[in-house]
Structures are given as structure tokens and as C-alpha cells.
Amino acid sequence: MTLSPTEHQTLILFSRKGCCLCQGLEERLRALDLSALQPPLSLEVVDIDAPDCSPELRARFDLEVPVLTLVIIGRQLELPRVSPRLSDEGLLNWLQRACSKALGSD
């Protein structure tokens, strides 16, 4: 399946309120132009402690947040833990490499 250059895919941040690492990563991701990536990404934040979050997700990510997953062409890929020391440009480059890897074009 080929993606159109403007078809947004989803970057999911599994997070929880009160987690400084989660909040910091969310702020940094929201400050980036994720639509500039190939493919363009849309950010979705999932609070694993929210009442509508499944017990399976809560159990899976409880001690691991923040966790990023990339959903491209219906496949969900859990990304390695991102370093909080990456610059904004470094984070954007890291995400682009993750997208390229998920599409099999690295």
C-alpha cells in the first residue's frame, strides 16, 4: 500500500497526568511541526489512568510511560524510549527515522 504524501498517520503518546516526563514529552511534541514529516503525523495522547482507558492498556504501560507508538498503514509500532536530552530538531529527526523504518525505507 502506498501512502499519499498528505495522508496523516498517528503518533500515540501513552501518558498519565502528574508525570513530568510525560508532560515534558507531550509539550515538546506539540511544539513540533509533525505535519512536515513523511508521512505527516497527527499526535494523539492517551491517558492510561482515564476511566475510558482499557485495563489491558493500563496494565501494559503502567510502569513504562511515557510510551510512543506509531500507527502507519494500520500497523502499530512501539518506538524505543526517546531521550529527554534530544533537541527539538533531534526529536523531529528521530521521529522521521522511525517513520522511515516503519515504512521499510531506511
C-alpha atoms as a PDB file:
ATOM      1  CA  MET A   1       0.000   0.000   0.000  1.00  0.00           C
ATOM      2  CA  THR A   2       1.334   3.422  -0.932  1.00  0.00           C
ATOM      3  CA  LEU A   3       0.710   6.461   1.237  1.00  0.00           C
ATOM      4  CA  SER A   4      -0.299   9.746  -0.283  1.00  0.00           C
ATOM      5  CA  PRO A   5       2.179  12.482   0.714  1.00  0.00           C
ATOM      6  CA  THR A   6      -0.552  14.304   2.641  1.00  0.00           C
ATOM      7  CA  GLU A   7      -2.192  11.319   4.353  1.00  0.00           C
ATOM      8  CA  HIS A   8      -1.665  11.765   8.092  1.00  0.00           C
ATOM      9  CA  GLN A   9      -0.697   8.814  10.231  1.00  0.00           C
ATOM     10  CA  THR A  10      -0.924   8.706  14.022  1.00  0.00           C
ATOM     11  CA  LEU A  11       1.704   9.135  16.692  1.00  0.00           C
ATOM     12  CA  ILE A  12       0.246   7.978  20.020  1.00  0.00           C
ATOM     13  CA  LEU A  13       1.695   9.109  23.337  1.00  0.00           C
ATOM     14  CA  PHE A  14       0.630   6.868  26.220  1.00  0.00           C
ATOM     15  CA  SER A  15       0.853   9.101  29.245  1.00  0.00           C
ATOM     16  CA  ARG A  16      -0.567   9.930  32.648  1.00  0.00           C
ATOM     17  CA  LYS A  17      -1.368  13.162  34.419  1.00  0.00           C
ATOM     18  CA  GLY A  18       1.194  14.224  37.003  1.00  0.00           C
ATOM     19  CA  CYS A  19       4.104  12.507  35.211  1.00  0.00           C
ATOM     20  CA  CYS A  20       6.747  15.155  34.498  1.00  0.00           C
ATOM     21  CA  LEU A  21       8.387  13.041  31.770  1.00  0.00           C
ATOM     22  CA  CYS A  22       5.018  12.531  30.071  1.00  0.00           C
ATOM     23  CA  GLN A  23       4.087  16.206  30.256  1.00  0.00           C
ATOM     24  CA  GLY A  24       7.514  17.296  29.012  1.00  0.00           C
ATOM     25  CA  LEU A  25       7.409  14.959  26.016  1.00  0.00           C
ATOM     26  CA  GLU A  26       3.849  15.988  25.161  1.00  0.00           C
ATOM     27  CA  GLU A  27       4.804  19.689  25.235  1.00  0.00           C
ATOM     28  CA  ARG A  28       7.820  19.062  23.015  1.00  0.00           C
ATOM     29  CA  LEU A  29       5.796  17.006  20.521  1.00  0.00           C
ATOM     30  CA  ARG A  30       3.049  19.647  20.341  1.00  0.00           C
ATOM     31  CA  ALA A  31       5.685  22.310  19.613  1.00  0.00           C
ATOM     32  CA  LEU A  32       6.996  20.363  16.597  1.00  0.00           C
ATOM     33  CA  ASP A  33       5.608  20.564  13.075  1.00  0.00           C
ATOM     34  CA  LEU A  34       4.689  16.883  12.813  1.00  0.00           C
ATOM     35  CA  SER A  35       2.946  17.551   9.503  1.00  0.00           C
ATOM     36  CA  ALA A  36       6.403  18.208   7.973  1.00  0.00           C
ATOM     37  CA  LEU A  37       7.367  14.546   8.379  1.00  0.00           C
ATOM     38  CA  GLN A  38       6.949  11.931   5.656  1.00  0.00           C
ATOM     39  CA  PRO A  39       4.316  10.695   6.201  1.00  0.00           C
ATOM     40  CA  PRO A  40       2.772  13.595   8.132  1.00  0.00           C
ATOM     41  CA  LEU A  41       1.824  12.681  11.697  1.00  0.00           C
ATOM     42  CA  SER A  42      -1.044  13.650  13.968  1.00  0.00           C
ATOM     43  CA  LEU A  43      -0.479  13.415  17.716  1.00  0.00           C
ATOM     44  CA  GLU A  44      -2.940  11.553  19.920  1.00  0.00           C
ATOM     45  CA  VAL A  45      -2.420  11.477  23.693  1.00  0.00           C
ATOM     46  CA  VAL A  46      -3.876   8.589  25.695  1.00  0.00           C
ATOM     47  CA  ASP A  47      -4.085   8.978  29.477  1.00  0.00           C
ATOM     48  CA  ILE A  48      -3.725   5.416  30.754  1.00  0.00           C
ATOM     49  CA  ASP A  49      -5.436   6.401  34.026  1.00  0.00           C
ATOM     50  CA  ALA A  50      -8.554   7.795  32.317  1.00  0.00           C
ATOM     51  CA  PRO A  51     -11.780   5.926  33.099  1.00  0.00           C
ATOM     52  CA  ASP A  52     -12.284   5.062  29.415  1.00  0.00           C
ATOM     53  CA  CYS A  53      -8.799   3.537  29.037  1.00  0.00           C
ATOM     54  CA  SER A  54      -8.862  -0.232  28.775  1.00  0.00           C
ATOM     55  CA  PRO A  55      -7.427  -2.269  31.671  1.00  0.00           C
ATOM     56  CA  GLU A  56      -5.177  -4.012  29.135  1.00  0.00           C
ATOM     57  CA  LEU A  57      -3.544  -0.731  28.065  1.00  0.00           C
ATOM     58  CA  ARG A  58      -3.209   0.392  31.668  1.00  0.00           C
ATOM     59  CA  ALA A  59      -1.515  -2.886  32.634  1.00  0.00           C
ATOM     60  CA  ARG A  60       0.750  -2.839  29.586  1.00  0.00           C
ATOM     61  CA  PHE A  61       2.033   0.726  30.014  1.00  0.00           C
ATOM     62  CA  ASP A  62       1.566   1.348  33.767  1.00  0.00           C
ATOM     63  CA  LEU A  63       5.250   1.420  34.714  1.00  0.00           C
ATOM     64  CA  GLU A  64       6.545   2.395  31.259  1.00  0.00           C
ATOM     65  CA  VAL A  65       5.016   5.810  30.461  1.00  0.00           C
ATOM     66  CA  PRO A  66       5.741   7.854  28.503  1.00  0.00           C
ATOM     67  CA  VAL A  67       5.483   5.432  25.589  1.00  0.00           C
ATOM     68  CA  LEU A  68       5.257   6.426  21.921  1.00  0.00           C
ATOM     69  CA  THR A  69       3.689   4.243  19.260  1.00  0.00           C
ATOM     70  CA  LEU A  70       3.471   4.953  15.583  1.00  0.00           C
ATOM     71  CA  VAL A  71       0.439   3.820  13.599  1.00  0.00           C
ATOM     72  CA  ILE A  72       1.273   3.673   9.899  1.00  0.00           C
ATOM     73  CA  ILE A  73      -0.871   1.878   7.334  1.00  0.00           C
ATOM     74  CA  GLY A  74      -2.816   0.145  10.091  1.00  0.00           C
ATOM     75  CA  ARG A  75       0.318  -1.216  11.791  1.00  0.00           C
ATOM     76  CA  GLN A  76       1.191  -0.125  15.313  1.00  0.00           C
ATOM     77  CA  LEU A  77       4.873   0.038  16.154  1.00  0.00           C
ATOM     78  CA  GLU A  78       6.086   0.738  19.681  1.00  0.00           C
ATOM     79  CA  LEU A  79       9.023   3.129  19.473  1.00  0.00           C
ATOM     80  CA  PRO A  80      12.129   2.950  21.653  1.00  0.00           C
ATOM     81  CA  ARG A  81      12.223   5.287  24.628  1.00  0.00           C
ATOM     82  CA  VAL A  82      13.125   8.765  23.443  1.00  0.00           C
ATOM     83  CA  SER A  83      15.902  10.646  25.210  1.00  0.00           C
ATOM     84  CA  PRO A  84      14.669  13.776  27.001  1.00  0.00           C
ATOM     85  CA  ARG A  85      18.028  15.334  26.055  1.00  0.00           C
ATOM     86  CA  LEU A  86      17.292  15.415  22.319  1.00  0.00           C
ATOM     87  CA  SER A  87      16.922  18.906  20.895  1.00  0.00           C
ATOM     88  CA  ASP A  88      13.664  19.718  19.126  1.00  0.00           C
ATOM     89  CA  GLU A  89      15.393  19.178  15.779  1.00  0.00           C
ATOM     90  CA  GLY A  90      16.873  15.932  17.109  1.00  0.00           C
ATOM     91  CA  LEU A  91      13.428  14.739  18.176  1.00  0.00           C
ATOM     92  CA  LEU A  92      11.985  15.564  14.754  1.00  0.00           C
ATOM     93  CA  ASN A  93      14.855  13.707  13.029  1.00  0.00           C
ATOM     94  CA  TRP A  94      14.388  10.741  15.399  1.00  0.00           C
ATOM     95  CA  LEU A  95      10.686  10.602  14.507  1.00  0.00           C
ATOM     96  CA  GLN A  96      11.462  10.787  10.775  1.00  0.00           C
ATOM     97  CA  ARG A  97      13.833   7.836  11.096  1.00  0.00           C
ATOM     98  CA  ALA A  98      11.132   5.894  12.993  1.00  0.00           C
ATOM     99  CA  CYS A  99       8.629   6.632  10.197  1.00  0.00           C
ATOM    100  CA  SER A 100      11.113   5.559   7.527  1.00  0.00           C
ATOM    101  CA  LYS A 101      11.846   2.345   9.415  1.00  0.00           C
ATOM    102  CA  ALA A 102       8.124   1.594   9.842  1.00  0.00           C
ATOM    103  CA  LEU A 103       7.650   2.056   6.094  1.00  0.00           C
ATOM    104  CA  GLY A 104      10.667  -0.116   5.384  1.00  0.00           C
ATOM    105  CA  SER A 105      12.585   2.635   3.619  1.00  0.00           C
ATOM    106  CA  ASP A 106      15.608   3.233   5.850  1.00  0.00           C
END
